[in-house]
N, C-alpha and C. Protein backbone atom coordinates (compact mmCIF):
# COMPACT_ATOMS: atom_id res chain seq x y z
N MET A 1 0.83 -1.17 0.00
CA MET A 1 0.00 0.00 0.00
C MET A 1 0.88 1.25 0.00
N ILE A 2 0.50 2.20 -0.81
CA ILE A 2 1.25 3.43 -0.93
C ILE A 2 0.75 4.44 0.11
N THR A 3 1.68 5.01 0.83
CA THR A 3 1.37 6.10 1.75
C THR A 3 1.99 7.38 1.17
N GLU A 4 1.61 8.50 1.69
CA GLU A 4 2.16 9.76 1.18
C GLU A 4 3.67 9.81 1.37
N GLU A 5 4.14 9.38 2.52
CA GLU A 5 5.58 9.38 2.79
C GLU A 5 6.31 8.47 1.81
N ARG A 6 5.77 7.29 1.59
CA ARG A 6 6.39 6.34 0.66
C ARG A 6 6.36 6.88 -0.76
N ALA A 7 5.28 7.51 -1.15
CA ALA A 7 5.17 8.07 -2.50
C ALA A 7 6.26 9.11 -2.74
N PHE A 8 6.46 9.99 -1.76
CA PHE A 8 7.51 11.00 -1.91
C PHE A 8 8.90 10.36 -1.90
N ASN A 9 9.09 9.31 -1.12
CA ASN A 9 10.37 8.61 -1.12
C ASN A 9 10.65 7.97 -2.47
N ILE A 10 9.66 7.36 -3.07
CA ILE A 10 9.82 6.72 -4.37
C ILE A 10 10.23 7.75 -5.41
N LEU A 11 9.61 8.92 -5.36
CA LEU A 11 9.93 9.98 -6.31
C LEU A 11 11.17 10.77 -5.91
N GLU A 12 11.68 10.52 -4.70
CA GLU A 12 12.83 11.22 -4.16
C GLU A 12 12.58 12.73 -4.12
N LEU A 13 11.40 13.10 -3.61
CA LEU A 13 11.00 14.50 -3.48
C LEU A 13 10.63 14.80 -2.03
N HIS A 14 10.67 16.09 -1.70
CA HIS A 14 10.21 16.54 -0.38
C HIS A 14 8.69 16.68 -0.42
N GLU A 15 8.09 16.60 0.74
CA GLU A 15 6.63 16.68 0.83
C GLU A 15 6.09 18.04 0.43
N SER A 16 6.95 19.02 0.31
CA SER A 16 6.53 20.36 -0.10
C SER A 16 6.54 20.53 -1.63
N ALA A 17 6.80 19.46 -2.35
CA ALA A 17 6.89 19.53 -3.82
C ALA A 17 5.55 19.96 -4.42
N THR A 18 5.64 20.74 -5.48
CA THR A 18 4.44 21.20 -6.17
C THR A 18 3.93 20.10 -7.10
N ALA A 19 2.73 20.29 -7.60
CA ALA A 19 2.14 19.34 -8.54
C ALA A 19 3.02 19.22 -9.78
N GLU A 20 3.54 20.33 -10.26
CA GLU A 20 4.40 20.32 -11.45
C GLU A 20 5.68 19.54 -11.20
N GLU A 21 6.25 19.69 -10.02
CA GLU A 21 7.47 18.95 -9.67
C GLU A 21 7.19 17.46 -9.57
N ILE A 22 6.06 17.10 -9.02
CA ILE A 22 5.69 15.68 -8.89
C ILE A 22 5.54 15.05 -10.27
N VAL A 23 4.80 15.71 -11.15
CA VAL A 23 4.58 15.17 -12.50
C VAL A 23 5.89 15.11 -13.28
N ALA A 24 6.71 16.14 -13.19
CA ALA A 24 7.99 16.16 -13.90
C ALA A 24 8.89 15.02 -13.42
N ARG A 25 8.95 14.83 -12.12
CA ARG A 25 9.79 13.76 -11.56
C ARG A 25 9.27 12.39 -11.98
N TYR A 26 7.94 12.22 -11.95
CA TYR A 26 7.33 10.97 -12.39
C TYR A 26 7.71 10.67 -13.84
N GLU A 27 7.54 11.64 -14.72
CA GLU A 27 7.84 11.45 -16.13
C GLU A 27 9.32 11.17 -16.36
N ASN A 28 10.18 11.88 -15.63
CA ASN A 28 11.62 11.69 -15.77
C ASN A 28 12.02 10.28 -15.36
N LEU A 29 11.56 9.84 -14.19
CA LEU A 29 11.90 8.48 -13.72
C LEU A 29 11.30 7.42 -14.64
N LYS A 30 10.09 7.63 -15.10
CA LYS A 30 9.44 6.67 -15.99
C LYS A 30 10.27 6.49 -17.26
N ASP A 31 10.75 7.60 -17.83
CA ASP A 31 11.58 7.54 -19.03
C ASP A 31 12.92 6.84 -18.75
N GLN A 32 13.54 7.16 -17.61
CA GLN A 32 14.81 6.53 -17.24
C GLN A 32 14.65 5.02 -17.09
N TYR A 33 13.61 4.61 -16.38
CA TYR A 33 13.39 3.19 -16.14
C TYR A 33 13.09 2.45 -17.44
N LYS A 34 12.32 3.08 -18.31
CA LYS A 34 11.99 2.47 -19.59
C LYS A 34 13.26 2.28 -20.43
N LYS A 35 14.11 3.29 -20.44
CA LYS A 35 15.36 3.22 -21.22
C LYS A 35 16.26 2.10 -20.70
N ILE A 36 16.42 2.04 -19.39
CA ILE A 36 17.26 0.99 -18.78
C ILE A 36 16.68 -0.39 -19.11
N LYS A 37 15.37 -0.52 -18.95
CA LYS A 37 14.72 -1.81 -19.22
C LYS A 37 14.92 -2.25 -20.66
N GLU A 38 14.82 -1.31 -21.59
CA GLU A 38 14.96 -1.63 -23.02
C GLU A 38 16.40 -1.93 -23.41
N GLU A 39 17.36 -1.30 -22.74
CA GLU A 39 18.76 -1.44 -23.13
C GLU A 39 19.44 -2.66 -22.55
N THR A 40 18.89 -3.24 -21.50
CA THR A 40 19.54 -4.38 -20.86
C THR A 40 19.03 -5.68 -21.45
N GLU A 41 19.90 -6.67 -21.43
CA GLU A 41 19.49 -7.99 -21.88
C GLU A 41 19.29 -8.94 -20.72
N ASP A 42 19.66 -8.48 -19.53
CA ASP A 42 19.51 -9.29 -18.33
C ASP A 42 18.05 -9.33 -17.90
N LEU A 43 17.49 -10.51 -17.85
CA LEU A 43 16.07 -10.67 -17.53
C LEU A 43 15.72 -10.13 -16.15
N ARG A 44 16.59 -10.37 -15.18
CA ARG A 44 16.31 -9.89 -13.82
C ARG A 44 16.25 -8.37 -13.77
N THR A 45 17.17 -7.74 -14.47
CA THR A 45 17.17 -6.28 -14.52
C THR A 45 15.93 -5.76 -15.21
N ARG A 46 15.54 -6.38 -16.30
CA ARG A 46 14.33 -5.98 -17.02
C ARG A 46 13.10 -6.07 -16.12
N LEU A 47 13.00 -7.18 -15.41
CA LEU A 47 11.86 -7.36 -14.51
C LEU A 47 11.88 -6.37 -13.35
N ALA A 48 13.06 -6.10 -12.82
CA ALA A 48 13.19 -5.15 -11.71
C ALA A 48 12.72 -3.76 -12.15
N TYR A 49 13.11 -3.36 -13.34
CA TYR A 49 12.71 -2.03 -13.81
C TYR A 49 11.26 -2.00 -14.24
N GLN A 50 10.72 -3.12 -14.65
CA GLN A 50 9.29 -3.17 -14.94
C GLN A 50 8.51 -2.98 -13.64
N LEU A 51 8.98 -3.60 -12.56
CA LEU A 51 8.34 -3.41 -11.25
C LEU A 51 8.45 -1.97 -10.77
N LYS A 52 9.59 -1.33 -11.04
CA LYS A 52 9.76 0.07 -10.67
C LYS A 52 8.77 0.95 -11.44
N GLN A 53 8.55 0.62 -12.71
CA GLN A 53 7.58 1.37 -13.51
C GLN A 53 6.16 1.21 -12.94
N ILE A 54 5.83 0.03 -12.53
CA ILE A 54 4.51 -0.22 -11.93
C ILE A 54 4.38 0.56 -10.63
N GLU A 55 5.44 0.57 -9.84
CA GLU A 55 5.44 1.32 -8.58
C GLU A 55 5.24 2.82 -8.85
N LEU A 56 5.90 3.34 -9.88
CA LEU A 56 5.72 4.74 -10.25
C LEU A 56 4.28 5.03 -10.65
N ASP A 57 3.70 4.12 -11.40
CA ASP A 57 2.29 4.30 -11.79
C ASP A 57 1.38 4.31 -10.56
N ASP A 58 1.69 3.45 -9.59
CA ASP A 58 0.92 3.44 -8.35
C ASP A 58 1.02 4.78 -7.62
N VAL A 59 2.22 5.37 -7.61
CA VAL A 59 2.43 6.67 -6.98
C VAL A 59 1.61 7.73 -7.71
N PHE A 60 1.64 7.69 -9.04
CA PHE A 60 0.89 8.66 -9.83
C PHE A 60 -0.60 8.56 -9.52
N ILE A 61 -1.10 7.35 -9.48
CA ILE A 61 -2.52 7.13 -9.16
C ILE A 61 -2.82 7.63 -7.75
N TYR A 62 -1.93 7.36 -6.81
CA TYR A 62 -2.12 7.82 -5.43
C TYR A 62 -2.28 9.34 -5.39
N PHE A 63 -1.37 10.05 -6.06
CA PHE A 63 -1.43 11.50 -6.04
C PHE A 63 -2.66 12.04 -6.77
N ARG A 64 -3.10 11.35 -7.80
CA ARG A 64 -4.33 11.76 -8.49
C ARG A 64 -5.53 11.63 -7.57
N ARG A 65 -5.59 10.52 -6.87
CA ARG A 65 -6.72 10.30 -5.94
C ARG A 65 -6.71 11.31 -4.81
N LYS A 66 -5.53 11.70 -4.35
CA LYS A 66 -5.42 12.69 -3.27
C LYS A 66 -5.52 14.12 -3.80
N GLN A 67 -5.67 14.24 -5.10
CA GLN A 67 -5.80 15.53 -5.79
C GLN A 67 -4.59 16.44 -5.57
N ARG A 68 -3.42 15.80 -5.54
CA ARG A 68 -2.16 16.56 -5.45
C ARG A 68 -1.68 16.97 -6.83
N ILE A 69 -2.15 16.23 -7.85
CA ILE A 69 -1.77 16.55 -9.23
C ILE A 69 -3.02 16.60 -10.09
């Protein structure tokens, strides 16, 4: 379960972050994780970054529900 504290930790942001900062960080990490996942041939690494992408999506949904973004 995602909590507000965990969501900010995943995004590596302070709780005072603005909606724009949250969305920008989400998009940046999503792109980074996608690039790493696509460039590696190691199955474990691919799966790990796929899980990170899912976790990011969960954070995004959490903030949408809390109307932070």
